[in-house]
Amino acid sequence: TMWITGIMQGALWKATNADGSLKYTFMEG
């Protein structure tokens, strides 16, 4: 469960929009 969560967290934190801004807010993650 924690491995799945970790990969998801890392992907969400690194996701960016075309302008370079973060795609997800802290609360969404």
mmCIF file of all heavy atoms, coordinates in Angstrom:
data_MODEL
# 
_entry.id   MODEL 
# 
loop_
_atom_site.group_PDB 
_atom_site.id 
_atom_site.type_symbol 
_atom_site.label_atom_id 
_atom_site.label_alt_id 
_atom_site.label_comp_id 
_atom_site.label_asym_id 
_atom_site.label_entity_id 
_atom_site.label_seq_id 
_atom_site.pdbx_PDB_ins_code 
_atom_site.Cartn_x 
_atom_site.Cartn_y 
_atom_site.Cartn_z 
_atom_site.occupancy 
_atom_site.B_iso_or_equiv 
_atom_site.pdbx_formal_charge 
_atom_site.auth_seq_id 
_atom_site.auth_comp_id 
_atom_site.auth_asym_id 
_atom_site.auth_atom_id 
_atom_site.pdbx_PDB_model_num 
ATOM 1   N N   . THR A 1 1  ? 0.837  -1.210 0.000   1.00 0.00 ? 1  THR A N   1 
ATOM 2   C CA  . THR A 1 1  ? 0.000  0.000  0.000   1.00 0.00 ? 1  THR A CA  1 
ATOM 3   C C   . THR A 1 1  ? 0.866  1.253  0.000   1.00 0.00 ? 1  THR A C   1 
ATOM 4   O O   . THR A 1 1  ? 0.597  2.216  -0.728  1.00 0.00 ? 1  THR A O   1 
ATOM 5   C CB  . THR A 1 1  ? -0.921 0.010  1.235   1.00 0.00 ? 1  THR A CB  1 
ATOM 6   O OG1 . THR A 1 1  ? -1.771 -1.137 1.188   1.00 0.00 ? 1  THR A OG1 1 
ATOM 7   C CG2 . THR A 1 1  ? -1.765 1.269  1.271   1.00 0.00 ? 1  THR A CG2 1 
ATOM 8   N N   . MET A 1 2  ? 1.928  1.256  0.818   1.00 0.00 ? 2  MET A N   1 
ATOM 9   C CA  . MET A 1 2  ? 2.795  2.425  0.902   1.00 0.00 ? 2  MET A CA  1 
ATOM 10  C C   . MET A 1 2  ? 3.624  2.624  -0.358  1.00 0.00 ? 2  MET A C   1 
ATOM 11  O O   . MET A 1 2  ? 3.916  3.753  -0.755  1.00 0.00 ? 2  MET A O   1 
ATOM 12  C CB  . MET A 1 2  ? 3.711  2.307  2.123   1.00 0.00 ? 2  MET A CB  1 
ATOM 13  C CG  . MET A 1 2  ? 3.012  2.425  3.466   1.00 0.00 ? 2  MET A CG  1 
ATOM 14  S SD  . MET A 1 2  ? 2.214  4.048  3.727   1.00 0.00 ? 2  MET A SD  1 
ATOM 15  C CE  . MET A 1 2  ? 0.548  3.733  3.114   1.00 0.00 ? 2  MET A CE  1 
ATOM 16  N N   . TRP A 1 3  ? 4.013  1.535  -1.018  1.00 0.00 ? 3  TRP A N   1 
ATOM 17  C CA  . TRP A 1 3  ? 4.751  1.691  -2.273  1.00 0.00 ? 3  TRP A CA  1 
ATOM 18  C C   . TRP A 1 3  ? 3.871  2.334  -3.338  1.00 0.00 ? 3  TRP A C   1 
ATOM 19  O O   . TRP A 1 3  ? 4.306  3.229  -4.065  1.00 0.00 ? 3  TRP A O   1 
ATOM 20  C CB  . TRP A 1 3  ? 5.247  0.323  -2.770  1.00 0.00 ? 3  TRP A CB  1 
ATOM 21  C CG  . TRP A 1 3  ? 6.192  -0.348 -1.829  1.00 0.00 ? 3  TRP A CG  1 
ATOM 22  C CD1 . TRP A 1 3  ? 7.005  0.256  -0.899  1.00 0.00 ? 3  TRP A CD1 1 
ATOM 23  C CD2 . TRP A 1 3  ? 6.418  -1.754 -1.694  1.00 0.00 ? 3  TRP A CD2 1 
ATOM 24  N NE1 . TRP A 1 3  ? 7.725  -0.693 -0.211  1.00 0.00 ? 3  TRP A NE1 1 
ATOM 25  C CE2 . TRP A 1 3  ? 7.384  -1.935 -0.669  1.00 0.00 ? 3  TRP A CE2 1 
ATOM 26  C CE3 . TRP A 1 3  ? 5.916  -2.884 -2.332  1.00 0.00 ? 3  TRP A CE3 1 
ATOM 27  C CZ2 . TRP A 1 3  ? 7.855  -3.191 -0.283  1.00 0.00 ? 3  TRP A CZ2 1 
ATOM 28  C CZ3 . TRP A 1 3  ? 6.379  -4.130 -1.946  1.00 0.00 ? 3  TRP A CZ3 1 
ATOM 29  C CH2 . TRP A 1 3  ? 7.337  -4.285 -0.941  1.00 0.00 ? 3  TRP A CH2 1 
ATOM 30  N N   . ILE A 1 4  ? 2.632  1.888  -3.418  1.00 0.00 ? 4  ILE A N   1 
ATOM 31  C CA  . ILE A 1 4  ? 1.703  2.475  -4.390  1.00 0.00 ? 4  ILE A CA  1 
ATOM 32  C C   . ILE A 1 4  ? 1.488  3.955  -4.075  1.00 0.00 ? 4  ILE A C   1 
ATOM 33  O O   . ILE A 1 4  ? 1.530  4.810  -4.967  1.00 0.00 ? 4  ILE A O   1 
ATOM 34  C CB  . ILE A 1 4  ? 0.361  1.717  -4.369  1.00 0.00 ? 4  ILE A CB  1 
ATOM 35  C CG1 . ILE A 1 4  ? 0.561  0.274  -4.853  1.00 0.00 ? 4  ILE A CG1 1 
ATOM 36  C CG2 . ILE A 1 4  ? -0.673 2.432  -5.242  1.00 0.00 ? 4  ILE A CG2 1 
ATOM 37  C CD1 . ILE A 1 4  ? -0.653 -0.622 -4.644  1.00 0.00 ? 4  ILE A CD1 1 
ATOM 38  N N   . THR A 1 5  ? 1.271  4.254  -2.802  1.00 0.00 ? 5  THR A N   1 
ATOM 39  C CA  . THR A 1 5  ? 1.055  5.643  -2.394  1.00 0.00 ? 5  THR A CA  1 
ATOM 40  C C   . THR A 1 5  ? 2.258  6.496  -2.754  1.00 0.00 ? 5  THR A C   1 
ATOM 41  O O   . THR A 1 5  ? 2.118  7.629  -3.238  1.00 0.00 ? 5  THR A O   1 
ATOM 42  C CB  . THR A 1 5  ? 0.812  5.737  -0.873  1.00 0.00 ? 5  THR A CB  1 
ATOM 43  O OG1 . THR A 1 5  ? -0.066 4.696  -0.476  1.00 0.00 ? 5  THR A OG1 1 
ATOM 44  C CG2 . THR A 1 5  ? 0.206  7.081  -0.495  1.00 0.00 ? 5  THR A CG2 1 
ATOM 45  N N   . GLY A 1 6  ? 3.460  5.966  -2.494  1.00 0.00 ? 6  GLY A N   1 
ATOM 46  C CA  . GLY A 1 6  ? 4.674  6.746  -2.753  1.00 0.00 ? 6  GLY A CA  1 
ATOM 47  C C   . GLY A 1 6  ? 4.849  7.084  -4.211  1.00 0.00 ? 6  GLY A C   1 
ATOM 48  O O   . GLY A 1 6  ? 5.186  8.229  -4.560  1.00 0.00 ? 6  GLY A O   1 
ATOM 49  N N   . ILE A 1 7  ? 4.605  6.113  -5.089  1.00 0.00 ? 7  ILE A N   1 
ATOM 50  C CA  . ILE A 1 7  ? 4.736  6.380  -6.524  1.00 0.00 ? 7  ILE A CA  1 
ATOM 51  C C   . ILE A 1 7  ? 3.696  7.414  -6.955  1.00 0.00 ? 7  ILE A C   1 
ATOM 52  O O   . ILE A 1 7  ? 3.990  8.335  -7.739  1.00 0.00 ? 7  ILE A O   1 
ATOM 53  C CB  . ILE A 1 7  ? 4.572  5.072  -7.322  1.00 0.00 ? 7  ILE A CB  1 
ATOM 54  C CG1 . ILE A 1 7  ? 5.757  4.130  -7.026  1.00 0.00 ? 7  ILE A CG1 1 
ATOM 55  C CG2 . ILE A 1 7  ? 4.470  5.352  -8.818  1.00 0.00 ? 7  ILE A CG2 1 
ATOM 56  C CD1 . ILE A 1 7  ? 5.585  2.733  -7.574  1.00 0.00 ? 7  ILE A CD1 1 
ATOM 57  N N   . MET A 1 8  ? 2.470  7.282  -6.448  1.00 0.00 ? 8  MET A N   1 
ATOM 58  C CA  . MET A 1 8  ? 1.415  8.246  -6.767  1.00 0.00 ? 8  MET A CA  1 
ATOM 59  C C   . MET A 1 8  ? 1.800  9.641  -6.282  1.00 0.00 ? 8  MET A C   1 
ATOM 60  O O   . MET A 1 8  ? 1.668  10.630 -7.016  1.00 0.00 ? 8  MET A O   1 
ATOM 61  C CB  . MET A 1 8  ? 0.102  7.812  -6.127  1.00 0.00 ? 8  MET A CB  1 
ATOM 62  C CG  . MET A 1 8  ? -1.053 8.776  -6.358  1.00 0.00 ? 8  MET A CG  1 
ATOM 63  S SD  . MET A 1 8  ? -2.503 8.394  -5.342  1.00 0.00 ? 8  MET A SD  1 
ATOM 64  C CE  . MET A 1 8  ? -1.904 8.861  -3.708  1.00 0.00 ? 8  MET A CE  1 
ATOM 65  N N   . GLN A 1 9  ? 2.271  9.735  -5.039  1.00 0.00 ? 9  GLN A N   1 
ATOM 66  C CA  . GLN A 1 9  ? 2.653  11.035 -4.492  1.00 0.00 ? 9  GLN A CA  1 
ATOM 67  C C   . GLN A 1 9  ? 3.742  11.683 -5.333  1.00 0.00 ? 9  GLN A C   1 
ATOM 68  O O   . GLN A 1 9  ? 3.667  12.878 -5.668  1.00 0.00 ? 9  GLN A O   1 
ATOM 69  C CB  . GLN A 1 9  ? 3.133  10.863 -3.043  1.00 0.00 ? 9  GLN A CB  1 
ATOM 70  C CG  . GLN A 1 9  ? 2.022  10.553 -2.051  1.00 0.00 ? 9  GLN A CG  1 
ATOM 71  C CD  . GLN A 1 9  ? 2.575  10.149 -0.695  1.00 0.00 ? 9  GLN A CD  1 
ATOM 72  O OE1 . GLN A 1 9  ? 3.697  9.660  -0.579  1.00 0.00 ? 9  GLN A OE1 1 
ATOM 73  N NE2 . GLN A 1 9  ? 1.779  10.335 0.345   1.00 0.00 ? 9  GLN A NE2 1 
ATOM 74  N N   . GLY A 1 10 ? 4.788  10.899 -5.645  1.00 0.00 ? 10 GLY A N   1 
ATOM 75  C CA  . GLY A 1 10 ? 5.887  11.457 -6.432  1.00 0.00 ? 10 GLY A CA  1 
ATOM 76  C C   . GLY A 1 10 ? 5.420  11.960 -7.785  1.00 0.00 ? 10 GLY A C   1 
ATOM 77  O O   . GLY A 1 10 ? 5.835  13.037 -8.235  1.00 0.00 ? 10 GLY A O   1 
ATOM 78  N N   . ALA A 1 11 ? 4.537  11.205 -8.437  1.00 0.00 ? 11 ALA A N   1 
ATOM 79  C CA  . ALA A 1 11 ? 4.034  11.602 -9.747  1.00 0.00 ? 11 ALA A CA  1 
ATOM 80  C C   . ALA A 1 11 ? 3.180  12.865 -9.648  1.00 0.00 ? 11 ALA A C   1 
ATOM 81  O O   . ALA A 1 11 ? 3.288  13.775 -10.494 1.00 0.00 ? 11 ALA A O   1 
ATOM 82  C CB  . ALA A 1 11 ? 3.226  10.461 -10.364 1.00 0.00 ? 11 ALA A CB  1 
ATOM 83  N N   . LEU A 1 12 ? 2.330  12.960 -8.630  1.00 0.00 ? 12 LEU A N   1 
ATOM 84  C CA  . LEU A 1 12 ? 1.466  14.133 -8.462  1.00 0.00 ? 12 LEU A CA  1 
ATOM 85  C C   . LEU A 1 12 ? 2.301  15.383 -8.160  1.00 0.00 ? 12 LEU A C   1 
ATOM 86  O O   . LEU A 1 12 ? 2.026  16.464 -8.686  1.00 0.00 ? 12 LEU A O   1 
ATOM 87  C CB  . LEU A 1 12 ? 0.459  13.902 -7.336  1.00 0.00 ? 12 LEU A CB  1 
ATOM 88  C CG  . LEU A 1 12 ? -0.638 12.858 -7.584  1.00 0.00 ? 12 LEU A CG  1 
ATOM 89  C CD1 . LEU A 1 12 ? -1.464 12.644 -6.322  1.00 0.00 ? 12 LEU A CD1 1 
ATOM 90  C CD2 . LEU A 1 12 ? -1.534 13.278 -8.746  1.00 0.00 ? 12 LEU A CD2 1 
ATOM 91  N N   . TRP A 1 13 ? 3.309  15.233 -7.328  1.00 0.00 ? 13 TRP A N   1 
ATOM 92  C CA  . TRP A 1 13 ? 4.136  16.385 -6.955  1.00 0.00 ? 13 TRP A CA  1 
ATOM 93  C C   . TRP A 1 13 ? 4.953  16.916 -8.135  1.00 0.00 ? 13 TRP A C   1 
ATOM 94  O O   . TRP A 1 13 ? 5.249  18.104 -8.206  1.00 0.00 ? 13 TRP A O   1 
ATOM 95  C CB  . TRP A 1 13 ? 5.101  16.007 -5.826  1.00 0.00 ? 13 TRP A CB  1 
ATOM 96  C CG  . TRP A 1 13 ? 4.437  15.647 -4.533  1.00 0.00 ? 13 TRP A CG  1 
ATOM 97  C CD1 . TRP A 1 13 ? 3.132  15.865 -4.183  1.00 0.00 ? 13 TRP A CD1 1 
ATOM 98  C CD2 . TRP A 1 13 ? 5.038  14.982 -3.420  1.00 0.00 ? 13 TRP A CD2 1 
ATOM 99  N NE1 . TRP A 1 13 ? 2.876  15.375 -2.924  1.00 0.00 ? 13 TRP A NE1 1 
ATOM 100 C CE2 . TRP A 1 13 ? 4.037  14.821 -2.427  1.00 0.00 ? 13 TRP A CE2 1 
ATOM 101 C CE3 . TRP A 1 13 ? 6.304  14.480 -3.166  1.00 0.00 ? 13 TRP A CE3 1 
ATOM 102 C CZ2 . TRP A 1 13 ? 4.286  14.210 -1.198  1.00 0.00 ? 13 TRP A CZ2 1 
ATOM 103 C CZ3 . TRP A 1 13 ? 6.552  13.870 -1.949  1.00 0.00 ? 13 TRP A CZ3 1 
ATOM 104 C CH2 . TRP A 1 13 ? 5.554  13.731 -0.972  1.00 0.00 ? 13 TRP A CH2 1 
ATOM 105 N N   . LYS A 1 14 ? 5.303  16.018 -9.060  1.00 0.00 ? 14 LYS A N   1 
ATOM 106 C CA  . LYS A 1 14 ? 6.148  16.423 -10.190 1.00 0.00 ? 14 LYS A CA  1 
ATOM 107 C C   . LYS A 1 14 ? 5.335  16.885 -11.404 1.00 0.00 ? 14 LYS A C   1 
ATOM 108 O O   . LYS A 1 14 ? 5.893  17.465 -12.341 1.00 0.00 ? 14 LYS A O   1 
ATOM 109 C CB  . LYS A 1 14 ? 7.050  15.259 -10.601 1.00 0.00 ? 14 LYS A CB  1 
ATOM 110 C CG  . LYS A 1 14 ? 8.123  14.929 -9.588  1.00 0.00 ? 14 LYS A CG  1 
ATOM 111 C CD  . LYS A 1 14 ? 8.848  13.647 -9.942  1.00 0.00 ? 14 LYS A CD  1 
ATOM 112 C CE  . LYS A 1 14 ? 9.669  13.805 -11.197 1.00 0.00 ? 14 LYS A CE  1 
ATOM 113 N NZ  . LYS A 1 14 ? 10.780 14.776 -11.022 1.00 0.00 ? 14 LYS A NZ  1 
ATOM 114 N N   . ALA A 1 15 ? 4.027  16.608 -11.394 1.00 0.00 ? 15 ALA A N   1 
ATOM 115 C CA  . ALA A 1 15 ? 3.201  16.953 -12.556 1.00 0.00 ? 15 ALA A CA  1 
ATOM 116 C C   . ALA A 1 15 ? 3.096  18.471 -12.718 1.00 0.00 ? 15 ALA A C   1 
ATOM 117 O O   . ALA A 1 15 ? 2.860  19.196 -11.753 1.00 0.00 ? 15 ALA A O   1 
ATOM 118 C CB  . ALA A 1 15 ? 1.810  16.350 -12.409 1.00 0.00 ? 15 ALA A CB  1 
ATOM 119 N N   . THR A 1 16 ? 3.295  18.962 -13.956 1.00 0.00 ? 16 THR A N   1 
ATOM 120 C CA  . THR A 1 16 ? 3.233  20.399 -14.219 1.00 0.00 ? 16 THR A CA  1 
ATOM 121 C C   . THR A 1 16 ? 2.347  20.685 -15.427 1.00 0.00 ? 16 THR A C   1 
ATOM 122 O O   . THR A 1 16 ? 2.139  19.838 -16.301 1.00 0.00 ? 16 THR A O   1 
ATOM 123 C CB  . THR A 1 16 ? 4.633  20.972 -14.489 1.00 0.00 ? 16 THR A CB  1 
ATOM 124 O OG1 . THR A 1 16 ? 5.236  20.253 -15.586 1.00 0.00 ? 16 THR A OG1 1 
ATOM 125 C CG2 . THR A 1 16 ? 5.519  20.850 -13.253 1.00 0.00 ? 16 THR A CG2 1 
ATOM 126 N N   . ASN A 1 17 ? 1.837  21.892 -15.467 1.00 0.00 ? 17 ASN A N   1 
ATOM 127 C CA  . ASN A 1 17 ? 1.081  22.369 -16.626 1.00 0.00 ? 17 ASN A CA  1 
ATOM 128 C C   . ASN A 1 17 ? 2.055  22.848 -17.693 1.00 0.00 ? 17 ASN A C   1 
ATOM 129 O O   . ASN A 1 17 ? 3.273  22.886 -17.486 1.00 0.00 ? 17 ASN A O   1 
ATOM 130 C CB  . ASN A 1 17 ? 0.156  23.518 -16.210 1.00 0.00 ? 17 ASN A CB  1 
ATOM 131 C CG  . ASN A 1 17 ? -0.897 23.051 -15.219 1.00 0.00 ? 17 ASN A CG  1 
ATOM 132 O OD1 . ASN A 1 17 ? -1.603 22.073 -15.455 1.00 0.00 ? 17 ASN A OD1 1 
ATOM 133 N ND2 . ASN A 1 17 ? -1.007 23.762 -14.099 1.00 0.00 ? 17 ASN A ND2 1 
ATOM 134 N N   . ALA A 1 18 ? 1.518  23.210 -18.835 1.00 0.00 ? 18 ALA A N   1 
ATOM 135 C CA  . ALA A 1 18 ? 2.353  23.649 -19.958 1.00 0.00 ? 18 ALA A CA  1 
ATOM 136 C C   . ALA A 1 18 ? 3.202  24.866 -19.603 1.00 0.00 ? 18 ALA A C   1 
ATOM 137 O O   . ALA A 1 18 ? 4.316  25.034 -20.119 1.00 0.00 ? 18 ALA A O   1 
ATOM 138 C CB  . ALA A 1 18 ? 1.475  23.937 -21.175 1.00 0.00 ? 18 ALA A CB  1 
ATOM 139 N N   . ASP A 1 19 ? 2.683  25.719 -18.699 1.00 0.00 ? 19 ASP A N   1 
ATOM 140 C CA  . ASP A 1 19 ? 3.435  26.928 -18.328 1.00 0.00 ? 19 ASP A CA  1 
ATOM 141 C C   . ASP A 1 19 ? 4.432  26.677 -17.197 1.00 0.00 ? 19 ASP A C   1 
ATOM 142 O O   . ASP A 1 19 ? 5.067  27.602 -16.705 1.00 0.00 ? 19 ASP A O   1 
ATOM 143 C CB  . ASP A 1 19 ? 2.473  28.050 -17.937 1.00 0.00 ? 19 ASP A CB  1 
ATOM 144 C CG  . ASP A 1 19 ? 1.616  27.690 -16.720 1.00 0.00 ? 19 ASP A CG  1 
ATOM 145 O OD1 . ASP A 1 19 ? 1.754  26.548 -16.213 1.00 0.00 ? 19 ASP A OD1 1 
ATOM 146 O OD2 . ASP A 1 19 ? 0.829  28.556 -16.269 1.00 0.00 ? 19 ASP A OD2 1 
ATOM 147 N N   . GLY A 1 20 ? 4.535  25.420 -16.779 1.00 0.00 ? 20 GLY A N   1 
ATOM 148 C CA  . GLY A 1 20 ? 5.503  25.084 -15.736 1.00 0.00 ? 20 GLY A CA  1 
ATOM 149 C C   . GLY A 1 20 ? 4.951  25.132 -14.320 1.00 0.00 ? 20 GLY A C   1 
ATOM 150 O O   . GLY A 1 20 ? 5.655  24.760 -13.375 1.00 0.00 ? 20 GLY A O   1 
ATOM 151 N N   . SER A 1 21 ? 3.718  25.565 -14.159 1.00 0.00 ? 21 SER A N   1 
ATOM 152 C CA  . SER A 1 21 ? 3.121  25.606 -12.824 1.00 0.00 ? 21 SER A CA  1 
ATOM 153 C C   . SER A 1 21 ? 2.699  24.203 -12.393 1.00 0.00 ? 21 SER A C   1 
ATOM 154 O O   . SER A 1 21 ? 2.484  23.316 -13.229 1.00 0.00 ? 21 SER A O   1 
ATOM 155 C CB  . SER A 1 21 ? 1.912  26.543 -12.809 1.00 0.00 ? 21 SER A CB  1 
ATOM 156 O OG  . SER A 1 21 ? 0.916  26.086 -13.717 1.00 0.00 ? 21 SER A OG  1 
ATOM 157 N N   . LEU A 1 22 ? 2.581  24.007 -11.073 1.00 0.00 ? 22 LEU A N   1 
ATOM 158 C CA  . LEU A 1 22 ? 2.188  22.701 -10.558 1.00 0.00 ? 22 LEU A CA  1 
ATOM 159 C C   . LEU A 1 22 ? 0.757  22.373 -10.975 1.00 0.00 ? 22 LEU A C   1 
ATOM 160 O O   . LEU A 1 22 ? -0.142 23.216 -10.899 1.00 0.00 ? 22 LEU A O   1 
ATOM 161 C CB  . LEU A 1 22 ? 2.300  22.671 -9.035  1.00 0.00 ? 22 LEU A CB  1 
ATOM 162 C CG  . LEU A 1 22 ? 3.726  22.739 -8.466  1.00 0.00 ? 22 LEU A CG  1 
ATOM 163 C CD1 . LEU A 1 22 ? 3.680  22.788 -6.938  1.00 0.00 ? 22 LEU A CD1 1 
ATOM 164 C CD2 . LEU A 1 22 ? 4.549  21.541 -8.924  1.00 0.00 ? 22 LEU A CD2 1 
ATOM 165 N N   . LYS A 1 23 ? 0.543  21.131 -11.402 1.00 0.00 ? 23 LYS A N   1 
ATOM 166 C CA  . LYS A 1 23 ? -0.770 20.728 -11.898 1.00 0.00 ? 23 LYS A CA  1 
ATOM 167 C C   . LYS A 1 23 ? -1.752 20.483 -10.756 1.00 0.00 ? 23 LYS A C   1 
ATOM 168 O O   . LYS A 1 23 ? -2.956 20.706 -10.898 1.00 0.00 ? 23 LYS A O   1 
ATOM 169 C CB  . LYS A 1 23 ? -0.624 19.460 -12.736 1.00 0.00 ? 23 LYS A CB  1 
ATOM 170 C CG  . LYS A 1 23 ? -1.893 19.055 -13.466 1.00 0.00 ? 23 LYS A CG  1 
ATOM 171 C CD  . LYS A 1 23 ? -1.618 17.929 -14.448 1.00 0.00 ? 23 LYS A CD  1 
ATOM 172 C CE  . LYS A 1 23 ? -2.878 17.581 -15.236 1.00 0.00 ? 23 LYS A CE  1 
ATOM 173 N NZ  . LYS A 1 23 ? -2.615 16.504 -16.237 1.00 0.00 ? 23 LYS A NZ  1 
ATOM 174 N N   . TYR A 1 24 ? -1.248 20.009 -9.608  1.00 0.00 ? 24 TYR A N   1 
ATOM 175 C CA  . TYR A 1 24 ? -2.114 19.667 -8.482  1.00 0.00 ? 24 TYR A CA  1 
ATOM 176 C C   . TYR A 1 24 ? -1.760 20.515 -7.272  1.00 0.00 ? 24 TYR A C   1 
ATOM 177 O O   . TYR A 1 24 ? -0.589 20.742 -6.972  1.00 0.00 ? 24 TYR A O   1 
ATOM 178 C CB  . TYR A 1 24 ? -1.971 18.182 -8.123  1.00 0.00 ? 24 TYR A CB  1 
ATOM 179 C CG  . TYR A 1 24 ? -2.359 17.257 -9.248  1.00 0.00 ? 24 TYR A CG  1 
ATOM 180 C CD1 . TYR A 1 24 ? -1.375 16.694 -10.067 1.00 0.00 ? 24 TYR A CD1 1 
ATOM 181 C CD2 . TYR A 1 24 ? -3.694 16.949 -9.506  1.00 0.00 ? 24 TYR A CD2 1 
ATOM 182 C CE1 . TYR A 1 24 ? -1.715 15.846 -11.103 1.00 0.00 ? 24 TYR A CE1 1 
ATOM 183 C CE2 . TYR A 1 24 ? -4.036 16.099 -10.544 1.00 0.00 ? 24 TYR A CE2 1 
ATOM 184 C CZ  . TYR A 1 24 ? -3.048 15.557 -11.347 1.00 0.00 ? 24 TYR A CZ  1 
ATOM 185 O OH  . TYR A 1 24 ? -3.389 14.733 -12.382 1.00 0.00 ? 24 TYR A OH  1 
ATOM 186 N N   . THR A 1 25 ? -2.766 20.956 -6.559  1.00 0.00 ? 25 THR A N   1 
ATOM 187 C CA  . THR A 1 25 ? -2.527 21.678 -5.307  1.00 0.00 ? 25 THR A CA  1 
ATOM 188 C C   . THR A 1 25 ? -2.135 20.678 -4.219  1.00 0.00 ? 25 THR A C   1 
ATOM 189 O O   . THR A 1 25 ? -2.302 19.464 -4.366  1.00 0.00 ? 25 THR A O   1 
ATOM 190 C CB  . THR A 1 25 ? -3.784 22.436 -4.851  1.00 0.00 ? 25 THR A CB  1 
ATOM 191 O OG1 . THR A 1 25 ? -4.812 21.476 -4.517  1.00 0.00 ? 25 THR A OG1 1 
ATOM 192 C CG2 . THR A 1 25 ? -4.283 23.367 -5.934  1.00 0.00 ? 25 THR A CG2 1 
ATOM 193 N N   . PHE A 1 26 ? -1.647 21.216 -3.118  1.00 0.00 ? 26 PHE A N   1 
ATOM 194 C CA  . PHE A 1 26 ? -1.280 20.353 -1.988  1.00 0.00 ? 26 PHE A CA  1 
ATOM 195 C C   . PHE A 1 26 ? -2.484 19.540 -1.520  1.00 0.00 ? 26 PHE A C   1 
ATOM 196 O O   . PHE A 1 26 ? -2.382 18.338 -1.274  1.00 0.00 ? 26 PHE A O   1 
ATOM 197 C CB  . PHE A 1 26 ? -0.741 21.203 -0.839  1.00 0.00 ? 26 PHE A CB  1 
ATOM 198 C CG  . PHE A 1 26 ? -0.490 20.419 0.423   1.00 0.00 ? 26 PHE A CG  1 
ATOM 199 C CD1 . PHE A 1 26 ? 0.642  19.633 0.563   1.00 0.00 ? 26 PHE A CD1 1 
ATOM 200 C CD2 . PHE A 1 26 ? -1.403 20.447 1.472   1.00 0.00 ? 26 PHE A CD2 1 
ATOM 201 C CE1 . PHE A 1 26 ? 0.869  18.901 1.714   1.00 0.00 ? 26 PHE A CE1 1 
ATOM 202 C CE2 . PHE A 1 26 ? -1.192 19.708 2.632   1.00 0.00 ? 26 PHE A CE2 1 
ATOM 203 C CZ  . PHE A 1 26 ? -0.050 18.932 2.748   1.00 0.00 ? 26 PHE A CZ  1 
ATOM 204 N N   . MET A 1 27 ? -3.646 20.180 -1.402  1.00 0.00 ? 27 MET A N   1 
ATOM 205 C CA  . MET A 1 27 ? -4.828 19.495 -0.901  1.00 0.00 ? 27 MET A CA  1 
ATOM 206 C C   . MET A 1 27 ? -5.330 18.428 -1.875  1.00 0.00 ? 27 MET A C   1 
ATOM 207 O O   . MET A 1 27 ? -5.824 17.373 -1.462  1.00 0.00 ? 27 MET A O   1 
ATOM 208 C CB  . MET A 1 27 ? -5.950 20.498 -0.603  1.00 0.00 ? 27 MET A CB  1 
ATOM 209 C CG  . MET A 1 27 ? -5.670 21.409 0.581   1.00 0.00 ? 27 MET A CG  1 
ATOM 210 S SD  . MET A 1 27 ? -5.296 20.487 2.099   1.00 0.00 ? 27 MET A SD  1 
ATOM 211 C CE  . MET A 1 27 ? -6.824 19.604 2.344   1.00 0.00 ? 27 MET A CE  1 
ATOM 212 N N   . GLU A 1 28 ? -5.202 18.677 -3.171  1.00 0.00 ? 28 GLU A N   1 
ATOM 213 C CA  . GLU A 1 28 ? -5.613 17.674 -4.160  1.00 0.00 ? 28 GLU A CA  1 
ATOM 214 C C   . GLU A 1 28 ? -4.751 16.420 -4.045  1.00 0.00 ? 28 GLU A C   1 
ATOM 215 O O   . GLU A 1 28 ? -5.248 15.292 -4.132  1.00 0.00 ? 28 GLU A O   1 
ATOM 216 C CB  . GLU A 1 28 ? -5.513 18.254 -5.575  1.00 0.00 ? 28 GLU A CB  1 
ATOM 217 C CG  . GLU A 1 28 ? -6.616 19.243 -5.905  1.00 0.00 ? 28 GLU A CG  1 
ATOM 218 C CD  . GLU A 1 28 ? -6.416 19.907 -7.257  1.00 0.00 ? 28 GLU A CD  1 
ATOM 219 O OE1 . GLU A 1 28 ? -5.245 20.132 -7.640  1.00 0.00 ? 28 GLU A OE1 1 
ATOM 220 O OE2 . GLU A 1 28 ? -7.414 20.193 -7.932  1.00 0.00 ? 28 GLU A OE2 1 
ATOM 221 N N   . GLY A 1 29 ? -3.453 16.625 -3.834  1.00 0.00 ? 29 GLY A N   1 
ATOM 222 C CA  . GLY A 1 29 ? -2.563 15.481 -3.651  1.00 0.00 ? 29 GLY A CA  1 
ATOM 223 C C   . GLY A 1 29 ? -2.832 14.760 -2.348  1.00 0.00 ? 29 GLY A C   1 
ATOM 224 O O   . GLY A 1 29 ? -2.848 13.526 -2.296  1.00 0.00 ? 29 GLY A O   1 
# 
